[in-house]
Amino acid sequence: AVQGEGVVLGRTMLVSADLATGRLVRPFDHALKAVSSFYLVYPPEAIRQRKVKAFRDWLFEEIGPG
């Protein structure tokens, strides 16, 4: 969709930067509220791995509060 080749259904938090810069436009004012959840799951000891902690920290930064 960003390359002008179609449309996309997406989550606002994932496309907000593209909407803000005008790379994508929202053709309708109506938005649906998602009823699903996502979970990040890993064994407790995995957080000691730098790459796991870095990914988790990055993901939480991207998601933001709430």
C-alpha atoms as a PDB file:
ATOM      1  CA  ALA A   1       0.000   0.000   0.000  1.00  0.00           C
ATOM      2  CA  VAL A   2       2.858   2.415   0.774  1.00  0.00           C
ATOM      3  CA  GLN A   3       4.097   1.951  -2.800  1.00  0.00           C
ATOM      4  CA  GLY A   4       0.678   2.810  -4.190  1.00  0.00           C
ATOM      5  CA  GLU A   5      -0.183  -0.726  -5.210  1.00  0.00           C
ATOM      6  CA  GLY A   6      -3.221  -1.468  -3.095  1.00  0.00           C
ATOM      7  CA  VAL A   7      -4.897  -1.081   0.229  1.00  0.00           C
ATOM      8  CA  VAL A   8      -4.112  -2.422   3.660  1.00  0.00           C
ATOM      9  CA  LEU A   9      -6.084  -3.238   6.762  1.00  0.00           C
ATOM     10  CA  GLY A  10      -3.821  -2.558   9.692  1.00  0.00           C
ATOM     11  CA  ARG A  11      -3.585  -1.799  13.339  1.00  0.00           C
ATOM     12  CA  THR A  12      -3.276   1.911  14.067  1.00  0.00           C
ATOM     13  CA  MET A  13      -0.261   1.420  16.319  1.00  0.00           C
ATOM     14  CA  LEU A  14       1.575  -0.326  13.465  1.00  0.00           C
ATOM     15  CA  VAL A  15       0.790   2.245  10.766  1.00  0.00           C
ATOM     16  CA  SER A  16       0.640   5.476  12.790  1.00  0.00           C
ATOM     17  CA  ALA A  17       4.031   6.716  11.550  1.00  0.00           C
ATOM     18  CA  ASP A  18       2.994   6.152   7.932  1.00  0.00           C
ATOM     19  CA  LEU A  19      -0.298   7.942   8.548  1.00  0.00           C
ATOM     20  CA  ALA A  20       1.486  10.856  10.243  1.00  0.00           C
ATOM     21  CA  THR A  21       3.906  11.346   7.343  1.00  0.00           C
ATOM     22  CA  GLY A  22       1.243  10.907   4.663  1.00  0.00           C
ATOM     23  CA  ARG A  23       2.731   7.713   3.210  1.00  0.00           C
ATOM     24  CA  LEU A  24      -0.646   6.149   3.960  1.00  0.00           C
ATOM     25  CA  VAL A  25      -4.044   7.799   4.194  1.00  0.00           C
ATOM     26  CA  ARG A  26      -7.111   6.651   6.051  1.00  0.00           C
ATOM     27  CA  PRO A  27      -9.974   6.716   3.506  1.00  0.00           C
ATOM     28  CA  PHE A  28     -12.678   6.498   6.189  1.00  0.00           C
ATOM     29  CA  ASP A  29     -13.016   8.005   9.653  1.00  0.00           C
ATOM     30  CA  HIS A  30     -14.472   4.765  10.997  1.00  0.00           C
ATOM     31  CA  ALA A  31     -12.138   2.399  12.862  1.00  0.00           C
ATOM     32  CA  LEU A  32     -12.910  -0.916  14.489  1.00  0.00           C
ATOM     33  CA  LYS A  33     -11.693  -1.714  17.971  1.00  0.00           C
ATOM     34  CA  ALA A  34      -9.630  -4.903  18.108  1.00  0.00           C
ATOM     35  CA  VAL A  35     -10.779  -7.550  20.520  1.00  0.00           C
ATOM     36  CA  SER A  36      -7.691  -9.757  20.352  1.00  0.00           C
ATOM     37  CA  SER A  37      -4.521  -9.701  22.394  1.00  0.00           C
ATOM     38  CA  PHE A  38      -0.909 -10.535  21.742  1.00  0.00           C
ATOM     39  CA  TYR A  39       1.488 -12.152  24.168  1.00  0.00           C
ATOM     40  CA  LEU A  40       5.261 -12.271  24.281  1.00  0.00           C
ATOM     41  CA  VAL A  41       6.165 -15.640  25.763  1.00  0.00           C
ATOM     42  CA  TYR A  42       9.609 -16.937  26.655  1.00  0.00           C
ATOM     43  CA  PRO A  43      11.116 -19.181  29.325  1.00  0.00           C
ATOM     44  CA  PRO A  44      12.053 -17.235  32.482  1.00  0.00           C
ATOM     45  CA  GLU A  45      15.773 -17.884  32.027  1.00  0.00           C
ATOM     46  CA  ALA A  46      15.724 -16.549  28.447  1.00  0.00           C
ATOM     47  CA  ILE A  47      15.586 -12.931  29.660  1.00  0.00           C
ATOM     48  CA  ARG A  48      19.246 -13.304  30.655  1.00  0.00           C
ATOM     49  CA  GLN A  49      20.099 -13.491  26.951  1.00  0.00           C
ATOM     50  CA  ARG A  50      20.944 -10.030  25.695  1.00  0.00           C
ATOM     51  CA  LYS A  51      19.090 -10.513  22.401  1.00  0.00           C
ATOM     52  CA  VAL A  52      15.887 -11.606  24.155  1.00  0.00           C
ATOM     53  CA  LYS A  53      15.990  -8.656  26.557  1.00  0.00           C
ATOM     54  CA  ALA A  54      16.791  -6.245  23.720  1.00  0.00           C
ATOM     55  CA  PHE A  55      13.852  -7.500  21.673  1.00  0.00           C
ATOM     56  CA  ARG A  56      11.471  -7.347  24.632  1.00  0.00           C
ATOM     57  CA  ASP A  57      12.611  -3.825  25.534  1.00  0.00           C
ATOM     58  CA  TRP A  58      12.286  -2.668  21.910  1.00  0.00           C
ATOM     59  CA  LEU A  59       8.815  -4.196  21.616  1.00  0.00           C
ATOM     60  CA  PHE A  60       7.598  -2.500  24.796  1.00  0.00           C
ATOM     61  CA  GLU A  61       9.031   0.828  23.576  1.00  0.00           C
ATOM     62  CA  GLU A  62       7.169   0.485  20.298  1.00  0.00           C
ATOM     63  CA  ILE A  63       3.894  -0.453  21.956  1.00  0.00           C
ATOM     64  CA  GLY A  64       4.031   2.387  24.459  1.00  0.00           C
ATOM     65  CA  PRO A  65       1.996   2.640  27.657  1.00  0.00           C
ATOM     66  CA  GLY A  66      -1.369   1.027  28.052  1.00  0.00           C
END
